[in-house]
Amino acid sequence: MTRFLEDIGFERYRNTAAKNFYWPPIREHRNRTLRTEQEHIWGITFVASKL
């Protein structure tokens, strides 16, 4: 399980999501990109929790 998370770079995704939550960027187009990225991160987290 841990190996799988390392393979998909889970630590980097998790850190990115936390940073975006606490310090959201100001630019609108960047926010739109990050929102989509967070949905992708949460999808990975959901799938990983089912393994």
C-alpha atoms as a PDB file:
ATOM      1  CA  MET A   1       0.000   0.000   0.000  1.00  0.00           C
ATOM      2  CA  THR A   2       2.715   2.456   0.970  1.00  0.00           C
ATOM      3  CA  ARG A   3       4.704   1.452  -2.098  1.00  0.00           C
ATOM      4  CA  PHE A   4       1.718   2.174  -4.316  1.00  0.00           C
ATOM      5  CA  LEU A   5       1.323   5.649  -2.841  1.00  0.00           C
ATOM      6  CA  GLU A   6       5.019   6.333  -3.384  1.00  0.00           C
ATOM      7  CA  ASP A   7       4.768   5.149  -6.980  1.00  0.00           C
ATOM      8  CA  ILE A   8       2.024   7.641  -7.817  1.00  0.00           C
ATOM      9  CA  GLY A   9       3.801  10.429  -5.945  1.00  0.00           C
ATOM     10  CA  PHE A  10       1.092  10.585  -3.311  1.00  0.00           C
ATOM     11  CA  GLU A  11       3.182  12.674  -0.920  1.00  0.00           C
ATOM     12  CA  ARG A  12       3.619  15.413  -3.508  1.00  0.00           C
ATOM     13  CA  TYR A  13      -0.089  15.404  -4.323  1.00  0.00           C
ATOM     14  CA  ARG A  14      -1.076  15.568  -0.661  1.00  0.00           C
ATOM     15  CA  ASN A  15       1.302  18.449   0.055  1.00  0.00           C
ATOM     16  CA  THR A  16       0.012  20.322  -2.991  1.00  0.00           C
ATOM     17  CA  ALA A  17      -3.600  19.912  -1.865  1.00  0.00           C
ATOM     18  CA  ALA A  18      -2.805  21.147   1.642  1.00  0.00           C
ATOM     19  CA  LYS A  19      -0.929  24.167   0.296  1.00  0.00           C
ATOM     20  CA  ASN A  20      -3.775  25.045  -2.058  1.00  0.00           C
ATOM     21  CA  PHE A  21      -6.288  24.803   0.775  1.00  0.00           C
ATOM     22  CA  TYR A  22      -4.406  27.069   3.167  1.00  0.00           C
ATOM     23  CA  TRP A  23      -2.867  29.460   0.633  1.00  0.00           C
ATOM     24  CA  PRO A  24      -5.129  29.540  -2.424  1.00  0.00           C
ATOM     25  CA  PRO A  25      -3.683  31.408  -5.400  1.00  0.00           C
ATOM     26  CA  ILE A  26      -5.320  34.679  -6.357  1.00  0.00           C
ATOM     27  CA  ARG A  27      -5.418  34.330 -10.130  1.00  0.00           C
ATOM     28  CA  GLU A  28      -8.729  32.935 -11.318  1.00  0.00           C
ATOM     29  CA  HIS A  29      -7.423  30.716 -14.107  1.00  0.00           C
ATOM     30  CA  ARG A  30      -4.904  29.244 -11.656  1.00  0.00           C
ATOM     31  CA  ASN A  31      -7.686  28.559  -9.158  1.00  0.00           C
ATOM     32  CA  ARG A  32      -9.680  26.763 -11.832  1.00  0.00           C
ATOM     33  CA  THR A  33      -6.678  24.588 -12.663  1.00  0.00           C
ATOM     34  CA  LEU A  34      -5.972  23.786  -9.030  1.00  0.00           C
ATOM     35  CA  ARG A  35      -9.613  22.991  -8.314  1.00  0.00           C
ATOM     36  CA  THR A  36      -9.541  20.376 -11.056  1.00  0.00           C
ATOM     37  CA  GLU A  37      -6.225  19.115  -9.705  1.00  0.00           C
ATOM     38  CA  GLN A  38      -7.688  18.765  -6.201  1.00  0.00           C
ATOM     39  CA  GLU A  39     -10.612  16.752  -7.534  1.00  0.00           C
ATOM     40  CA  HIS A  40      -8.056  14.474  -9.194  1.00  0.00           C
ATOM     41  CA  ILE A  41      -6.114  14.228  -5.916  1.00  0.00           C
ATOM     42  CA  TRP A  42      -9.247  13.323  -3.966  1.00  0.00           C
ATOM     43  CA  GLY A  43     -10.040  10.717  -6.602  1.00  0.00           C
ATOM     44  CA  ILE A  44      -6.602   9.168  -6.134  1.00  0.00           C
ATOM     45  CA  THR A  45      -7.062   9.228  -2.354  1.00  0.00           C
ATOM     46  CA  PHE A  46     -10.458   7.520  -2.695  1.00  0.00           C
ATOM     47  CA  VAL A  47      -9.121   4.799  -4.981  1.00  0.00           C
ATOM     48  CA  ALA A  48      -6.069   4.290  -2.769  1.00  0.00           C
ATOM     49  CA  SER A  49      -8.287   3.881   0.300  1.00  0.00           C
ATOM     50  CA  LYS A  50     -10.108   1.013  -1.432  1.00  0.00           C
ATOM     51  CA  LEU A  51      -6.957  -1.027  -2.068  1.00  0.00           C
END
